[in-house]
Amino acid sequence: MSTNLTAVLEELLQNTTNLKLLRQLMTTDATYVSLNFDNPELKKVMPWAGTHKGPQALPDVFSAIQRCWKTLDFKVTDTIEQGSRVAFFGSFTYKSNVTGKEITSPFSLLAGFEGDKVAYVQFLEDSYGTAGSFKTGGATRFHSDPSGREVEV
């Protein structure tokens, strides 16, 4: 079963808009978590962020991503498979279809399987950086260091 799960996850990532195939690769109640569980502010910038249920959610998520960005590069550099879980690590470069800004971000993806079907996927990236590729102006103030000063970005 070892390389089989990795191959299933690779096939899923190569066919994120093919609902017929996704239904074969995923459980009917599969959960896909994109960037966070539920962040209304980030969802205003990246509507696909948050928790999604079922294989039918993936084509909508990835179509929205493709509508906003052009993928210039996507590399998986490391794969770890342990029992019924597979993790991919790597980087990608996106270019905003609106602003033209490019962002290169590390990513990690964790998939949990039930048998040979994907039941859970969690995708994480530099969401501050990727959201920034859509920024058109203005500044935001932050104060993180208790002994430091507020910064404006």
Protein backbone atom coordinates (compact mmCIF):
# COMPACT_ATOMS: atom_id res chain seq x y z
CA MET A 1 0.00 0.00 0.00
CA SER A 2 2.99 2.30 0.55
CA THR A 3 3.57 3.98 -2.82
CA ASN A 4 -0.06 3.45 -3.77
CA LEU A 5 -1.28 6.20 -1.39
CA THR A 6 1.35 8.63 -2.65
CA ALA A 7 0.31 7.84 -6.24
CA VAL A 8 -3.37 8.43 -5.37
CA LEU A 9 -2.56 11.83 -3.87
CA GLU A 10 -0.42 12.77 -6.88
CA GLU A 11 -3.28 11.80 -9.21
CA LEU A 12 -5.73 13.87 -7.16
CA LEU A 13 -3.47 16.96 -7.38
CA GLN A 14 -3.10 16.55 -11.14
CA ASN A 15 -6.88 16.31 -11.63
CA THR A 16 -8.39 18.83 -9.20
CA THR A 17 -11.13 19.89 -11.64
CA ASN A 18 -12.13 16.39 -12.83
CA LEU A 19 -15.13 15.63 -10.62
CA LYS A 20 -15.68 12.13 -12.03
CA LEU A 21 -12.13 11.11 -11.11
CA LEU A 22 -12.23 12.92 -7.76
CA ARG A 23 -15.27 10.86 -6.78
CA GLN A 24 -13.19 7.73 -7.43
CA LEU A 25 -10.19 9.00 -5.46
CA MET A 26 -11.99 10.54 -2.45
CA THR A 27 -14.49 9.41 0.16
CA THR A 28 -17.97 10.91 -0.24
CA ASP A 29 -17.52 12.95 2.96
CA ALA A 30 -13.90 13.97 2.35
CA THR A 31 -12.78 17.20 4.02
CA TYR A 32 -10.50 19.71 2.31
CA VAL A 33 -9.02 22.48 4.48
CA SER A 34 -7.47 25.34 2.54
CA LEU A 35 -5.18 27.64 4.58
CA ASN A 36 -7.36 27.70 7.73
CA PHE A 37 -10.49 26.17 9.18
CA ASP A 38 -12.61 29.34 8.92
CA ASN A 39 -11.30 32.89 8.62
CA PRO A 40 -13.93 35.35 7.34
CA GLU A 41 -11.36 38.12 6.70
CA LEU A 42 -9.11 35.90 4.58
CA LYS A 43 -12.17 34.50 2.79
CA LYS A 44 -12.90 38.05 1.53
CA VAL A 45 -9.52 38.00 -0.26
CA MET A 46 -9.33 34.29 -1.09
CA PRO A 47 -12.88 32.87 -1.17
CA TRP A 48 -11.62 29.28 -1.36
CA ALA A 49 -10.02 29.51 2.09
CA GLY A 50 -11.59 27.44 4.84
CA THR A 51 -13.13 24.00 5.23
CA HIS A 52 -14.88 22.26 2.34
CA LYS A 53 -16.76 18.96 2.30
CA GLY A 54 -17.01 16.30 -0.39
CA PRO A 55 -15.17 15.73 -3.68
CA GLN A 56 -17.56 18.12 -5.46
CA ALA A 57 -16.04 21.06 -3.53
CA LEU A 58 -12.57 20.64 -5.04
CA PRO A 59 -13.36 21.68 -8.63
CA ASP A 60 -14.96 24.90 -7.32
CA VAL A 61 -11.97 25.61 -5.07
CA PHE A 62 -9.36 25.01 -7.74
CA SER A 63 -11.34 26.79 -10.46
CA ALA A 64 -11.49 29.86 -8.19
CA ILE A 65 -7.73 29.64 -7.58
CA GLN A 66 -7.08 29.40 -11.33
CA ARG A 67 -9.41 32.33 -11.98
CA CYS A 68 -7.30 34.49 -9.66
CA TRP A 69 -3.77 33.18 -10.31
CA LYS A 70 -1.73 31.62 -13.05
CA THR A 71 0.45 28.80 -11.75
CA LEU A 72 4.00 29.42 -12.96
CA ASP A 73 5.61 26.61 -10.96
CA PHE A 74 4.56 23.88 -8.53
CA LYS A 75 7.20 21.55 -7.09
CA VAL A 76 6.90 18.74 -4.58
CA THR A 77 10.35 18.43 -3.03
CA ASP A 78 9.66 16.00 -0.20
CA THR A 79 7.15 13.24 0.43
CA ILE A 80 6.54 11.42 3.69
CA GLU A 81 4.20 8.46 3.90
CA GLN A 82 3.32 7.01 7.28
CA GLY A 83 0.53 4.48 7.68
CA SER A 84 -2.64 6.02 6.26
CA ARG A 85 -1.16 9.52 5.89
CA VAL A 86 0.88 11.18 3.16
CA ALA A 87 2.55 14.58 3.40
CA PHE A 88 3.93 16.64 0.53
CA PHE A 89 6.22 19.61 0.98
CA GLY A 90 7.44 21.99 -1.69
CA SER A 91 6.98 25.38 -3.25
CA PHE A 92 4.90 27.12 -5.88
CA THR A 93 4.96 30.37 -7.79
CA TYR A 94 1.68 32.08 -8.67
CA LYS A 95 1.05 35.24 -10.67
CA SER A 96 -2.04 37.30 -9.91
CA ASN A 97 -4.33 37.59 -12.92
CA VAL A 98 -5.38 41.07 -11.72
CA THR A 99 -2.26 42.78 -10.33
CA GLY A 100 0.41 40.81 -12.19
CA LYS A 101 2.32 40.33 -8.91
CA GLU A 102 4.18 37.04 -8.49
CA ILE A 103 4.52 35.16 -5.21
CA THR A 104 6.68 32.15 -4.44
CA SER A 105 5.56 30.30 -1.35
CA PRO A 106 6.46 27.13 0.49
CA PHE A 107 3.58 24.73 0.98
CA SER A 108 2.72 21.65 2.94
CA LEU A 109 -0.11 19.26 2.29
CA LEU A 110 -1.28 16.51 4.61
CA ALA A 111 -3.65 13.82 3.36
CA GLY A 112 -5.40 11.19 5.43
CA PHE A 113 -6.76 8.06 3.80
CA GLU A 114 -9.55 5.60 4.50
CA GLY A 115 -8.39 2.51 2.66
CA ASP A 116 -7.13 3.75 -0.70
CA LYS A 117 -9.35 6.87 -0.79
CA VAL A 118 -8.49 10.37 0.33
CA ALA A 119 -10.64 11.34 3.34
CA TYR A 120 -8.87 14.50 4.50
CA VAL A 121 -6.58 17.09 2.91
CA GLN A 122 -5.06 20.09 4.63
CA PHE A 123 -3.14 22.59 2.46
CA LEU A 124 -1.00 25.29 4.03
CA GLU A 125 1.01 28.08 2.41
CA ASP A 126 2.32 31.56 3.16
CA SER A 127 -1.19 33.05 3.13
CA TYR A 128 0.10 36.50 4.11
CA GLY A 129 2.34 36.47 1.04
CA THR A 130 -0.19 34.95 -1.33
CA ALA A 131 -2.94 37.35 -0.24
CA GLY A 132 -0.40 40.15 -0.72
CA SER A 133 -0.20 39.30 -4.41
CA PHE A 134 -3.68 40.82 -4.68
CA LYS A 135 -2.89 43.98 -2.69
CA THR A 136 -3.58 47.16 -4.61
CA GLY A 137 -2.85 49.83 -2.01
CA GLY A 138 -3.25 51.03 1.53
CA ALA A 139 -1.41 50.08 4.67
CA THR A 140 -2.14 47.90 7.66
CA ARG A 141 -0.78 48.41 11.16
CA PHE A 142 0.47 45.55 13.35
CA HIS A 143 1.80 45.39 16.89
CA SER A 144 3.22 41.96 17.75
CA ASP A 145 6.22 42.61 19.99
CA PRO A 146 5.11 43.67 23.51
CA SER A 147 8.35 45.63 23.97
CA GLY A 148 8.41 46.90 20.41
CA ARG A 149 6.56 49.44 18.37
CA GLU A 150 3.65 49.22 16.02
CA VAL A 151 4.67 48.67 12.39
CA GLU A 152 2.90 49.66 9.21
CA VAL A 153 3.02 47.43 6.15
